[in-house]
Amino acid sequence: MSKLPACPQCKSEFTYEDGGMFVCPECAHEWSAQQAPAAAEEVKVWRDAAGNVLQDGDTVTVIKDLKLKGGGGVVKMGTKVKNIRLVDGDHDIDCKIDGFGSMGLKTEFVKKV
């Protein structure tokens, strides 16, 4: 079964199709199927541990000692990471840390400066 669009006036989910029109039974609004609002695209928003919105190029600070897999070593709490790049995937941040090189971090372990 296909998902019908919600009513553009009252946002009711109980719309139905009648010929070439959509009808809302709650507010009696009618609109054409060609004018159906397009589904809004989900825009990914990355937030740090404190809930601040992150953007490409921001500077963040590591809030917890992070053990590195494979190579050993630890990224210490308070390490400043400049010019981050946000990506989709397992780790949300691609960055370079002095002394460690390129790596991925999760947004839950950083705080925006």
Protein backbone atom coordinates (compact mmCIF):
# COMPACT_ATOMS: atom_id res chain seq x y z
CA MET A 1 0.00 0.00 0.00
CA SER A 2 1.40 3.39 -0.94
CA LYS A 3 1.72 6.17 1.61
CA LEU A 4 -0.58 9.10 0.85
CA PRO A 5 0.64 12.61 1.72
CA ALA A 6 -0.58 14.36 4.85
CA CYS A 7 -3.04 17.23 4.50
CA PRO A 8 -1.13 20.47 3.77
CA GLN A 9 -3.59 22.51 5.88
CA CYS A 10 -4.19 20.51 9.06
CA LYS A 11 -1.40 17.89 8.71
CA SER A 12 -3.87 15.03 9.15
CA GLU A 13 -2.60 11.61 8.10
CA PHE A 14 -6.10 10.33 7.24
CA THR A 15 -6.20 11.57 3.65
CA TYR A 16 -7.70 9.57 0.82
CA GLU A 17 -7.61 9.72 -2.95
CA ASP A 18 -10.77 10.52 -4.92
CA GLY A 19 -10.15 10.40 -8.66
CA GLY A 20 -7.28 12.81 -9.33
CA MET A 21 -7.70 14.64 -6.02
CA PHE A 22 -6.60 14.06 -2.45
CA VAL A 23 -9.20 14.77 0.24
CA CYS A 24 -8.81 15.36 3.97
CA PRO A 25 -11.80 14.03 5.95
CA GLU A 26 -10.98 16.18 8.99
CA CYS A 27 -10.86 19.67 7.46
CA ALA A 28 -12.48 18.91 4.05
CA HIS A 29 -9.48 20.35 2.18
CA GLU A 30 -9.05 19.07 -1.38
CA TRP A 31 -5.93 19.34 -3.51
CA SER A 32 -4.72 17.88 -6.77
CA ALA A 33 -2.43 14.85 -6.88
CA GLN A 34 -0.01 16.82 -9.10
CA GLN A 35 0.28 19.52 -6.41
CA ALA A 36 1.12 17.00 -3.70
CA PRO A 37 4.01 18.37 -1.66
CA ALA A 38 7.25 16.53 -2.24
CA ALA A 39 8.62 14.66 0.73
CA ALA A 40 11.13 16.84 2.55
CA GLU A 41 14.67 15.53 2.29
CA GLU A 42 16.25 14.56 5.57
CA VAL A 43 19.25 16.74 6.21
CA LYS A 44 21.80 15.10 8.48
CA VAL A 45 22.81 17.30 11.41
CA TRP A 46 25.90 16.36 13.37
CA ARG A 47 26.03 17.38 17.05
CA ASP A 48 28.85 17.16 19.55
CA ALA A 49 28.59 15.69 23.06
CA ALA A 50 27.10 18.95 24.37
CA GLY A 51 24.49 19.20 21.60
CA ASN A 52 26.20 21.95 19.57
CA VAL A 53 25.81 21.69 15.79
CA LEU A 54 29.05 20.79 14.01
CA GLN A 55 30.08 21.94 10.53
CA ASP A 56 32.99 21.17 8.20
CA GLY A 57 36.10 23.14 9.21
CA ASP A 58 35.20 23.44 12.91
CA THR A 59 37.72 22.94 15.70
CA VAL A 60 36.81 20.42 18.39
CA THR A 61 38.35 19.07 21.58
CA VAL A 62 38.42 15.40 22.57
CA ILE A 63 36.48 14.95 25.85
CA LYS A 64 37.74 11.48 26.79
CA ASP A 65 40.95 9.45 26.42
CA LEU A 66 40.53 7.37 23.25
CA LYS A 67 42.52 4.17 22.75
CA LEU A 68 43.58 3.60 19.15
CA LYS A 69 42.84 0.24 17.60
CA GLY A 70 45.66 -1.62 15.92
CA GLY A 71 48.55 0.77 16.46
CA GLY A 72 48.37 1.30 20.17
CA GLY A 73 48.61 4.69 21.76
CA VAL A 74 46.02 7.02 23.21
CA VAL A 75 44.50 10.29 22.05
CA LYS A 76 44.42 12.21 25.33
CA MET A 77 41.47 14.15 26.67
CA GLY A 78 41.79 17.84 25.74
CA THR A 79 43.50 17.18 22.39
CA LYS A 80 42.46 19.92 19.95
CA VAL A 81 41.44 18.78 16.47
CA LYS A 82 41.33 21.51 13.80
CA ASN A 83 39.57 21.59 10.45
CA ILE A 84 37.30 18.56 10.82
CA ARG A 85 35.38 17.04 7.91
CA LEU A 86 31.93 15.53 8.56
CA VAL A 87 31.08 12.27 6.78
CA ASP A 88 28.37 9.62 6.83
CA GLY A 89 29.47 6.28 8.18
CA ASP A 90 30.57 4.48 11.31
CA HIS A 91 32.71 7.42 12.42
CA ASP A 92 31.24 10.88 11.79
CA ILE A 93 34.45 12.95 11.67
CA ASP A 94 37.50 12.60 9.42
CA CYS A 95 40.47 14.54 10.72
CA LYS A 96 44.23 14.70 11.15
CA ILE A 97 45.66 14.76 14.65
CA ASP A 98 49.26 15.88 15.15
CA GLY A 99 51.39 12.90 16.13
CA PHE A 100 48.76 10.34 15.05
CA GLY A 101 47.86 11.21 11.44
CA SER A 102 44.50 10.71 9.72
CA MET A 103 41.71 9.07 11.68
CA GLY A 104 37.97 8.92 12.22
CA LEU A 105 36.23 10.09 15.38
CA LYS A 106 32.69 9.82 16.63
CA THR A 107 30.84 13.03 17.45
CA GLU A 108 29.89 11.73 20.89
CA PHE A 109 33.54 12.03 22.01
CA VAL A 110 34.19 15.63 20.97
CA LYS A 111 33.12 19.11 22.05
CA LYS A 112 33.06 22.18 19.81
CA VAL A 113 35.55 24.90 20.76
